[in-house]
Amino acid sequence: MSATPPPSDDEIVGGLLQQGLDVAYQPIVELASGDLVGWEALLRGQLPEHGALSPLHVVGSATRIGALDTVMRQVAEQALTTASVASLRLGRSMTVTVNLEPAQIWPGSPFLQWLVDRSRSCPAQVLLEVTERGDETAWGEEQELALDRLQAAGLGIAIDDLGTGVSRLRLLARRDWTWVKLDRGFLLLGDRGLVLLRHTVAMLHELGTVVLLEGIETDEQLEIARTAGVDLVQGNLLSCPMSADALLAHLVDTSSPRATE
């Protein structure tokens, strides 16, 4: 029997949009207190004949056929709806983070305007994570203007995965970022990586930025994050990504005991 050929970009995006994209939610915890502060919304999708698809694969396919905004609007709508219900049940505003590709950031973007309008009816704080990957030379005044407008409308802006590839130090210096998320690669570089982590956290704090470290999978890594002065943590040790139903069913546990041990 011959293997099923890989799906085309149109088949991936068309299939997922037709049957509905899934969103998983991974909790974000304040390290000092152990309090739950919110969730990252993670794109998930699968096709019957091909199984689960890599989020990066889906984003790449959507980008190539010009459907990235359509895909991310579905993700954002689900994320904001779930975060709204969660915030109302908890009686406090939580944070929901949604990933944003640099190519989506430009003045006059209908998708960004939709995000602004949609966030006005959301009791949760909406924070957009801008990936660090991409051509730094493509980042200019238009992107800055678009982000200025988003922040003026009350949305938070974060750099995602700082530490992958060539760090965008000039990008860090361009504006006041709400958060900067550090890639878990800092935890995998041995003693030298830990030195880099401590100094990176200190630098970001001096810039007035909240620091989130992702990829926490062991108690040792949690202790490293605490020693380095990280503000927020995220990872499978604290909680694996979960469905919206699972998230809402477990709202009675609003803190992570593992973060305060």
C-alpha atoms as a PDB file:
ATOM      1  CA  MET A   1       0.000   0.000   0.000  1.00  0.00           C
ATOM      2  CA  SER A   2       1.409   3.386  -1.019  1.00  0.00           C
ATOM      3  CA  ALA A   3       1.866   6.069   1.594  1.00  0.00           C
ATOM      4  CA  THR A   4      -0.605   8.943   1.713  1.00  0.00           C
ATOM      5  CA  PRO A   5       0.997  11.948  -0.010  1.00  0.00           C
ATOM      6  CA  PRO A   6       1.558  14.995   2.195  1.00  0.00           C
ATOM      7  CA  PRO A   7      -1.273  17.522   2.045  1.00  0.00           C
ATOM      8  CA  SER A   8      -0.855  20.716   0.065  1.00  0.00           C
ATOM      9  CA  ASP A   9      -0.998  24.142   1.695  1.00  0.00           C
ATOM     10  CA  ASP A  10      -4.532  24.625   0.399  1.00  0.00           C
ATOM     11  CA  GLU A  11      -5.610  21.244   1.745  1.00  0.00           C
ATOM     12  CA  ILE A  12      -4.139  21.983   5.178  1.00  0.00           C
ATOM     13  CA  VAL A  13      -5.662  25.414   5.579  1.00  0.00           C
ATOM     14  CA  GLY A  14      -8.941  24.611   3.858  1.00  0.00           C
ATOM     15  CA  GLY A  15      -9.408  21.432   5.859  1.00  0.00           C
ATOM     16  CA  LEU A  16      -8.670  23.072   9.204  1.00  0.00           C
ATOM     17  CA  LEU A  17     -10.879  26.083   8.528  1.00  0.00           C
ATOM     18  CA  GLN A  18     -13.720  23.838   7.425  1.00  0.00           C
ATOM     19  CA  GLN A  19     -13.651  21.505  10.422  1.00  0.00           C
ATOM     20  CA  GLY A  20     -12.480  24.124  12.915  1.00  0.00           C
ATOM     21  CA  LEU A  21      -9.100  24.795  14.403  1.00  0.00           C
ATOM     22  CA  ASP A  22      -8.417  23.684  17.947  1.00  0.00           C
ATOM     23  CA  VAL A  23      -6.791  25.832  20.627  1.00  0.00           C
ATOM     24  CA  ALA A  24      -4.920  24.479  23.647  1.00  0.00           C
ATOM     25  CA  TYR A  25      -4.155  26.595  26.702  1.00  0.00           C
ATOM     26  CA  GLN A  26      -0.969  26.414  28.777  1.00  0.00           C
ATOM     27  CA  PRO A  27      -1.038  28.192  32.151  1.00  0.00           C
ATOM     28  CA  ILE A  28       1.382  31.000  33.013  1.00  0.00           C
ATOM     29  CA  VAL A  29       2.309  31.293  36.679  1.00  0.00           C
ATOM     30  CA  GLU A  30       3.871  34.082  38.728  1.00  0.00           C
ATOM     31  CA  LEU A  31       6.947  32.471  40.235  1.00  0.00           C
ATOM     32  CA  ALA A  32       7.158  34.430  43.493  1.00  0.00           C
ATOM     33  CA  SER A  33       3.547  33.876  44.574  1.00  0.00           C
ATOM     34  CA  GLY A  34       2.528  30.789  42.617  1.00  0.00           C
ATOM     35  CA  ASP A  35      -0.545  32.659  41.354  1.00  0.00           C
ATOM     36  CA  LEU A  36      -2.062  31.799  38.011  1.00  0.00           C
ATOM     37  CA  VAL A  37      -1.924  34.911  35.812  1.00  0.00           C
ATOM     38  CA  GLY A  38      -3.239  33.555  32.533  1.00  0.00           C
ATOM     39  CA  TRP A  39      -2.695  31.232  29.595  1.00  0.00           C
ATOM     40  CA  GLU A  40      -0.966  31.076  26.250  1.00  0.00           C
ATOM     41  CA  ALA A  41      -3.311  30.126  23.411  1.00  0.00           C
ATOM     42  CA  LEU A  42      -1.644  27.466  21.255  1.00  0.00           C
ATOM     43  CA  LEU A  43      -2.769  26.554  17.750  1.00  0.00           C
ATOM     44  CA  ARG A  44      -3.684  22.891  17.312  1.00  0.00           C
ATOM     45  CA  GLY A  45      -5.061  21.145  14.276  1.00  0.00           C
ATOM     46  CA  GLN A  46      -5.376  17.762  12.652  1.00  0.00           C
ATOM     47  CA  LEU A  47      -6.709  16.315   9.427  1.00  0.00           C
ATOM     48  CA  PRO A  48      -8.432  12.905   9.300  1.00  0.00           C
ATOM     49  CA  GLU A  49      -5.995  11.391   6.798  1.00  0.00           C
ATOM     50  CA  HIS A  50      -2.836  12.993   8.191  1.00  0.00           C
ATOM     51  CA  GLY A  51      -3.296  13.245  11.940  1.00  0.00           C
ATOM     52  CA  ALA A  52      -1.945  16.081  14.086  1.00  0.00           C
ATOM     53  CA  LEU A  53      -0.171  18.882  12.269  1.00  0.00           C
ATOM     54  CA  SER A  54       2.731  20.952  13.544  1.00  0.00           C
ATOM     55  CA  PRO A  55       1.635  24.519  14.403  1.00  0.00           C
ATOM     56  CA  LEU A  56       4.654  25.853  12.501  1.00  0.00           C
ATOM     57  CA  HIS A  57       3.587  23.778   9.493  1.00  0.00           C
ATOM     58  CA  VAL A  58       0.075  25.221   9.661  1.00  0.00           C
ATOM     59  CA  VAL A  59       1.379  28.794  10.017  1.00  0.00           C
ATOM     60  CA  GLY A  60       3.770  28.242   7.105  1.00  0.00           C
ATOM     61  CA  SER A  61       1.009  26.905   4.866  1.00  0.00           C
ATOM     62  CA  ALA A  62      -1.348  29.743   5.812  1.00  0.00           C
ATOM     63  CA  THR A  63       1.376  32.323   5.157  1.00  0.00           C
ATOM     64  CA  ARG A  64       2.195  30.929   1.727  1.00  0.00           C
ATOM     65  CA  ILE A  65      -1.426  31.091   0.521  1.00  0.00           C
ATOM     66  CA  GLY A  66      -2.212  34.419   2.160  1.00  0.00           C
ATOM     67  CA  ALA A  67      -4.585  33.022   4.790  1.00  0.00           C
ATOM     68  CA  LEU A  68      -2.609  33.627   7.979  1.00  0.00           C
ATOM     69  CA  ASP A  69      -4.924  36.362   9.280  1.00  0.00           C
ATOM     70  CA  THR A  70      -7.953  34.134   8.678  1.00  0.00           C
ATOM     71  CA  VAL A  71      -6.375  31.273  10.612  1.00  0.00           C
ATOM     72  CA  MET A  72      -5.213  33.444  13.488  1.00  0.00           C
ATOM     73  CA  ARG A  73      -8.584  35.161  13.740  1.00  0.00           C
ATOM     74  CA  GLN A  74     -10.161  31.776  14.470  1.00  0.00           C
ATOM     75  CA  VAL A  75      -7.478  31.083  17.090  1.00  0.00           C
ATOM     76  CA  ALA A  76      -7.884  34.520  18.686  1.00  0.00           C
ATOM     77  CA  GLU A  77     -11.684  34.308  18.762  1.00  0.00           C
ATOM     78  CA  GLN A  78     -11.576  31.004  20.624  1.00  0.00           C
ATOM     79  CA  ALA A  79      -8.848  32.263  22.955  1.00  0.00           C
ATOM     80  CA  LEU A  80     -10.642  35.482  23.877  1.00  0.00           C
ATOM     81  CA  THR A  81     -13.954  33.692  24.383  1.00  0.00           C
ATOM     82  CA  THR A  82     -12.389  31.143  26.738  1.00  0.00           C
ATOM     83  CA  ALA A  83     -10.402  33.807  28.624  1.00  0.00           C
ATOM     84  CA  SER A  84     -13.537  35.909  29.036  1.00  0.00           C
ATOM     85  CA  VAL A  85     -15.441  33.035  30.641  1.00  0.00           C
ATOM     86  CA  ALA A  86     -12.453  32.183  32.852  1.00  0.00           C
ATOM     87  CA  SER A  87     -11.984  35.784  34.019  1.00  0.00           C
ATOM     88  CA  LEU A  88     -15.672  36.153  34.878  1.00  0.00           C
ATOM     89  CA  ARG A  89     -15.719  32.878  36.804  1.00  0.00           C
ATOM     90  CA  LEU A  90     -12.610  33.820  38.766  1.00  0.00           C
ATOM     91  CA  GLY A  91     -13.775  37.372  39.359  1.00  0.00           C
ATOM     92  CA  ARG A  92     -10.496  38.872  38.186  1.00  0.00           C
ATOM     93  CA  SER A  93      -8.931  39.773  34.872  1.00  0.00           C
ATOM     94  CA  MET A  94      -6.621  37.065  33.565  1.00  0.00           C
ATOM     95  CA  THR A  95      -4.149  37.372  30.710  1.00  0.00           C
ATOM     96  CA  VAL A  96      -4.451  35.471  27.452  1.00  0.00           C
ATOM     97  CA  THR A  97      -1.530  35.536  25.030  1.00  0.00           C
ATOM     98  CA  VAL A  98      -1.914  35.047  21.292  1.00  0.00           C
ATOM     99  CA  ASN A  99       0.968  34.605  18.871  1.00  0.00           C
ATOM    100  CA  LEU A 100       1.503  37.127  16.093  1.00  0.00           C
ATOM    101  CA  GLU A 101       3.861  36.840  13.134  1.00  0.00           C
ATOM    102  CA  PRO A 102       5.882  39.947  12.136  1.00  0.00           C
ATOM    103  CA  ALA A 103       4.304  39.853   8.664  1.00  0.00           C
ATOM    104  CA  GLN A 104       0.915  40.518  10.267  1.00  0.00           C
ATOM    105  CA  ILE A 105       2.031  43.795  11.828  1.00  0.00           C
ATOM    106  CA  TRP A 106       1.267  46.764   9.595  1.00  0.00           C
ATOM    107  CA  PRO A 107      -0.880  49.918   9.880  1.00  0.00           C
ATOM    108  CA  GLY A 108      -4.358  49.484   8.487  1.00  0.00           C
ATOM    109  CA  SER A 109      -4.384  45.697   8.966  1.00  0.00           C
ATOM    110  CA  PRO A 110      -8.028  44.542   9.140  1.00  0.00           C
ATOM    111  CA  PHE A 111      -6.958  41.681  11.422  1.00  0.00           C
ATOM    112  CA  LEU A 112      -5.270  44.010  13.919  1.00  0.00           C
ATOM    113  CA  GLN A 113      -8.294  46.322  13.883  1.00  0.00           C
ATOM    114  CA  TRP A 114     -10.526  43.322  14.548  1.00  0.00           C
ATOM    115  CA  LEU A 115      -8.296  42.391  17.510  1.00  0.00           C
ATOM    116  CA  VAL A 116      -8.623  45.896  18.936  1.00  0.00           C
ATOM    117  CA  ASP A 117     -12.416  45.895  18.528  1.00  0.00           C
ATOM    118  CA  ARG A 118     -12.785  42.361  19.882  1.00  0.00           C
ATOM    119  CA  SER A 119     -10.584  43.016  22.909  1.00  0.00           C
ATOM    120  CA  ARG A 120     -12.881  45.866  24.038  1.00  0.00           C
ATOM    121  CA  SER A 121     -15.563  43.320  24.936  1.00  0.00           C
ATOM    122  CA  CYS A 122     -13.124  40.912  26.595  1.00  0.00           C
ATOM    123  CA  PRO A 123     -12.679  41.190  30.380  1.00  0.00           C
ATOM    124  CA  ALA A 124      -9.305  39.439  30.097  1.00  0.00           C
ATOM    125  CA  GLN A 125      -6.061  41.255  29.277  1.00  0.00           C
ATOM    126  CA  VAL A 126      -5.035  40.433  25.707  1.00  0.00           C
ATOM    127  CA  LEU A 127      -1.301  40.179  25.087  1.00  0.00           C
ATOM    128  CA  LEU A 128       0.189  39.601  21.637  1.00  0.00           C
ATOM    129  CA  GLU A 129       3.430  37.610  21.437  1.00  0.00           C
ATOM    130  CA  VAL A 130       5.580  38.709  18.493  1.00  0.00           C
ATOM    131  CA  THR A 131       7.974  35.991  17.428  1.00  0.00           C
ATOM    132  CA  GLU A 132      11.664  36.854  17.305  1.00  0.00           C
ATOM    133  CA  ARG A 133      12.243  34.908  14.106  1.00  0.00           C
ATOM    134  CA  GLY A 134      12.296  36.699  10.783  1.00  0.00           C
ATOM    135  CA  ASP A 135      14.381  39.268   8.959  1.00  0.00           C
ATOM    136  CA  GLU A 136      15.299  42.104  11.295  1.00  0.00           C
ATOM    137  CA  THR A 137      15.689  44.467   8.330  1.00  0.00           C
ATOM    138  CA  ALA A 138      11.955  44.049   7.643  1.00  0.00           C
ATOM    139  CA  TRP A 139      11.161  45.676  10.986  1.00  0.00           C
ATOM    140  CA  GLY A 140      10.682  49.407  10.591  1.00  0.00           C
ATOM    141  CA  GLU A 141       8.561  52.426  11.368  1.00  0.00           C
ATOM    142  CA  GLU A 142       5.357  50.877  10.028  1.00  0.00           C
ATOM    143  CA  GLN A 143       5.636  47.986  12.482  1.00  0.00           C
ATOM    144  CA  GLU A 144       6.370  50.404  15.308  1.00  0.00           C
ATOM    145  CA  LEU A 145       3.352  52.519  14.408  1.00  0.00           C
ATOM    146  CA  ALA A 146       1.091  49.458  14.309  1.00  0.00           C
ATOM    147  CA  LEU A 147       2.319  48.300  17.728  1.00  0.00           C
ATOM    148  CA  ASP A 148       1.928  51.806  19.148  1.00  0.00           C
ATOM    149  CA  ARG A 149      -1.722  51.748  18.114  1.00  0.00           C
ATOM    150  CA  LEU A 150      -2.260  48.324  19.641  1.00  0.00           C
ATOM    151  CA  GLN A 151      -0.735  49.395  22.951  1.00  0.00           C
ATOM    152  CA  ALA A 152      -2.715  52.638  22.935  1.00  0.00           C
ATOM    153  CA  ALA A 153      -5.849  50.513  22.573  1.00  0.00           C
ATOM    154  CA  GLY A 154      -4.888  48.562  25.706  1.00  0.00           C
ATOM    155  CA  LEU A 155      -3.328  45.423  24.250  1.00  0.00           C
ATOM    156  CA  GLY A 156      -0.054  44.142  25.678  1.00  0.00           C
ATOM    157  CA  ILE A 157       2.916  43.382  23.410  1.00  0.00           C
ATOM    158  CA  ALA A 158       5.583  40.774  24.115  1.00  0.00           C
ATOM    159  CA  ILE A 159       8.643  39.373  22.373  1.00  0.00           C
ATOM    160  CA  ASP A 160       8.344  35.603  22.050  1.00  0.00           C
ATOM    161  CA  ASP A 161      11.213  33.096  22.278  1.00  0.00           C
ATOM    162  CA  LEU A 162      14.077  35.516  22.865  1.00  0.00           C
ATOM    163  CA  GLY A 163      17.254  33.507  22.516  1.00  0.00           C
ATOM    164  CA  THR A 164      16.383  31.525  19.385  1.00  0.00           C
ATOM    165  CA  GLY A 165      18.611  32.420  16.469  1.00  0.00           C
ATOM    166  CA  VAL A 166      20.202  35.853  16.573  1.00  0.00           C
ATOM    167  CA  SER A 167      18.798  37.868  19.465  1.00  0.00           C
ATOM    168  CA  ARG A 168      17.152  41.092  18.396  1.00  0.00           C
ATOM    169  CA  LEU A 169      18.833  43.419  20.874  1.00  0.00           C
ATOM    170  CA  ARG A 170      17.945  46.472  18.800  1.00  0.00           C
ATOM    171  CA  LEU A 171      14.342  45.269  18.754  1.00  0.00           C
ATOM    172  CA  LEU A 172      14.403  45.117  22.556  1.00  0.00           C
ATOM    173  CA  ALA A 173      15.579  48.705  22.726  1.00  0.00           C
ATOM    174  CA  ARG A 174      12.926  50.053  20.349  1.00  0.00           C
ATOM    175  CA  ARG A 175       9.989  50.121  22.761  1.00  0.00           C
ATOM    176  CA  ASP A 176       8.616  49.260  26.189  1.00  0.00           C
ATOM    177  CA  TRP A 177       7.615  45.622  25.867  1.00  0.00           C
ATOM    178  CA  THR A 178       4.963  44.317  28.260  1.00  0.00           C
ATOM    179  CA  TRP A 179       6.686  40.941  28.546  1.00  0.00           C
ATOM    180  CA  VAL A 180       9.700  39.220  27.061  1.00  0.00           C
ATOM    181  CA  LYS A 181       9.498  35.447  26.852  1.00  0.00           C
ATOM    182  CA  LEU A 182      12.822  33.618  27.066  1.00  0.00           C
ATOM    183  CA  ASP A 183      13.328  30.425  25.112  1.00  0.00           C
ATOM    184  CA  ARG A 184      13.994  27.287  27.155  1.00  0.00           C
ATOM    185  CA  GLY A 185      17.301  26.951  25.309  1.00  0.00           C
ATOM    186  CA  PHE A 186      18.889  28.960  28.136  1.00  0.00           C
ATOM    187  CA  LEU A 187      18.231  25.930  30.360  1.00  0.00           C
ATOM    188  CA  LEU A 188      20.017  23.533  28.018  1.00  0.00           C
ATOM    189  CA  LEU A 189      23.392  25.264  27.679  1.00  0.00           C
ATOM    190  CA  GLY A 190      24.967  24.178  30.946  1.00  0.00           C
ATOM    191  CA  ASP A 191      26.705  26.568  33.316  1.00  0.00           C
ATOM    192  CA  ARG A 192      27.390  29.149  30.599  1.00  0.00           C
ATOM    193  CA  GLY A 193      23.715  29.183  29.695  1.00  0.00           C
ATOM    194  CA  LEU A 194      22.808  29.898  33.294  1.00  0.00           C
ATOM    195  CA  VAL A 195      25.215  32.842  33.371  1.00  0.00           C
ATOM    196  CA  LEU A 196      23.563  34.172  30.215  1.00  0.00           C
ATOM    197  CA  LEU A 197      20.130  33.644  31.750  1.00  0.00           C
ATOM    198  CA  ARG A 198      20.932  35.583  34.929  1.00  0.00           C
ATOM    199  CA  HIS A 199      22.418  38.512  33.011  1.00  0.00           C
ATOM    200  CA  THR A 200      19.599  38.523  30.443  1.00  0.00           C
ATOM    201  CA  VAL A 201      16.971  38.659  33.194  1.00  0.00           C
ATOM    202  CA  ALA A 202      18.863  41.460  34.966  1.00  0.00           C
ATOM    203  CA  MET A 203      19.124  43.426  31.697  1.00  0.00           C
ATOM    204  CA  LEU A 204      15.413  43.026  30.940  1.00  0.00           C
ATOM    205  CA  HIS A 205      14.454  44.087  34.451  1.00  0.00           C
ATOM    206  CA  GLU A 206      16.608  47.185  34.059  1.00  0.00           C
ATOM    207  CA  LEU A 207      14.623  47.904  30.887  1.00  0.00           C
ATOM    208  CA  GLY A 208      11.431  47.631  32.951  1.00  0.00           C
ATOM    209  CA  THR A 209      10.209  44.444  31.299  1.00  0.00           C
ATOM    210  CA  VAL A 210       8.472  41.442  32.867  1.00  0.00           C
ATOM    211  CA  VAL A 211      10.404  38.232  32.107  1.00  0.00           C
ATOM    212  CA  LEU A 212       8.728  34.902  31.351  1.00  0.00           C
ATOM    213  CA  LEU A 213      10.753  31.688  31.010  1.00  0.00           C
ATOM    214  CA  GLU A 214       9.072  28.882  29.103  1.00  0.00           C
ATOM    215  CA  GLY A 215       9.810  25.184  28.928  1.00  0.00           C
ATOM    216  CA  ILE A 216      10.024  24.428  32.653  1.00  0.00           C
ATOM    217  CA  GLU A 217       9.961  20.633  32.867  1.00  0.00           C
ATOM    218  CA  THR A 218      11.858  19.732  36.051  1.00  0.00           C
ATOM    219  CA  ASP A 219      12.111  20.935  39.641  1.00  0.00           C
ATOM    220  CA  GLU A 220      15.746  21.788  38.972  1.00  0.00           C
ATOM    221  CA  GLN A 221      14.759  24.095  36.112  1.00  0.00           C
ATOM    222  CA  LEU A 222      12.122  25.737  38.305  1.00  0.00           C
ATOM    223  CA  GLU A 223      14.784  26.447  40.915  1.00  0.00           C
ATOM    224  CA  ILE A 224      17.098  27.839  38.226  1.00  0.00           C
ATOM    225  CA  ALA A 225      14.315  30.211  37.133  1.00  0.00           C
ATOM    226  CA  ARG A 226      13.804  31.318  40.741  1.00  0.00           C
ATOM    227  CA  THR A 227      17.541  31.891  41.294  1.00  0.00           C
ATOM    228  CA  ALA A 228      17.790  33.895  38.063  1.00  0.00           C
ATOM    229  CA  GLY A 229      14.972  36.218  39.160  1.00  0.00           C
ATOM    230  CA  VAL A 230      12.466  35.266  36.470  1.00  0.00           C
ATOM    231  CA  ASP A 231       8.986  36.765  37.011  1.00  0.00           C
ATOM    232  CA  LEU A 232       6.722  34.285  35.215  1.00  0.00           C
ATOM    233  CA  VAL A 233       7.102  30.634  34.282  1.00  0.00           C
ATOM    234  CA  GLN A 234       5.403  28.243  31.917  1.00  0.00           C
ATOM    235  CA  GLY A 235       5.972  24.584  31.164  1.00  0.00           C
ATOM    236  CA  ASN A 236       4.823  21.002  31.511  1.00  0.00           C
ATOM    237  CA  LEU A 237       6.041  20.744  35.123  1.00  0.00           C
ATOM    238  CA  LEU A 238       3.389  23.294  36.049  1.00  0.00           C
ATOM    239  CA  SER A 239       0.744  22.201  33.578  1.00  0.00           C
ATOM    240  CA  CYS A 240       0.577  20.707  30.111  1.00  0.00           C
ATOM    241  CA  PRO A 241      -1.514  22.499  27.484  1.00  0.00           C
ATOM    242  CA  MET A 242      -5.213  21.708  27.939  1.00  0.00           C
ATOM    243  CA  SER A 243      -8.469  22.094  26.105  1.00  0.00           C
ATOM    244  CA  ALA A 244     -10.865  24.933  26.851  1.00  0.00           C
ATOM    245  CA  ASP A 245     -13.234  22.498  28.572  1.00  0.00           C
ATOM    246  CA  ALA A 246     -10.446  21.165  30.796  1.00  0.00           C
ATOM    247  CA  LEU A 247      -9.286  24.676  31.632  1.00  0.00           C
ATOM    248  CA  LEU A 248     -12.733  25.856  32.671  1.00  0.00           C
ATOM    249  CA  ALA A 249     -13.347  22.663  34.658  1.00  0.00           C
ATOM    250  CA  HIS A 250     -10.270  23.239  36.807  1.00  0.00           C
ATOM    251  CA  LEU A 251     -10.609  26.917  37.628  1.00  0.00           C
ATOM    252  CA  VAL A 252     -11.008  26.106  41.302  1.00  0.00           C
ATOM    253  CA  ASP A 253      -7.244  25.518  41.374  1.00  0.00           C
ATOM    254  CA  THR A 254      -6.081  29.066  40.639  1.00  0.00           C
ATOM    255  CA  SER A 255      -2.475  28.635  41.688  1.00  0.00           C
ATOM    256  CA  SER A 256       0.362  26.258  40.956  1.00  0.00           C
ATOM    257  CA  PRO A 257       1.620  24.563  44.114  1.00  0.00           C
ATOM    258  CA  ARG A 258       4.698  23.401  42.239  1.00  0.00           C
ATOM    259  CA  ALA A 259       5.810  27.043  41.766  1.00  0.00           C
ATOM    260  CA  THR A 260       5.845  27.792  45.474  1.00  0.00           C
ATOM    261  CA  GLU A 261       7.498  24.667  46.805  1.00  0.00           C
END
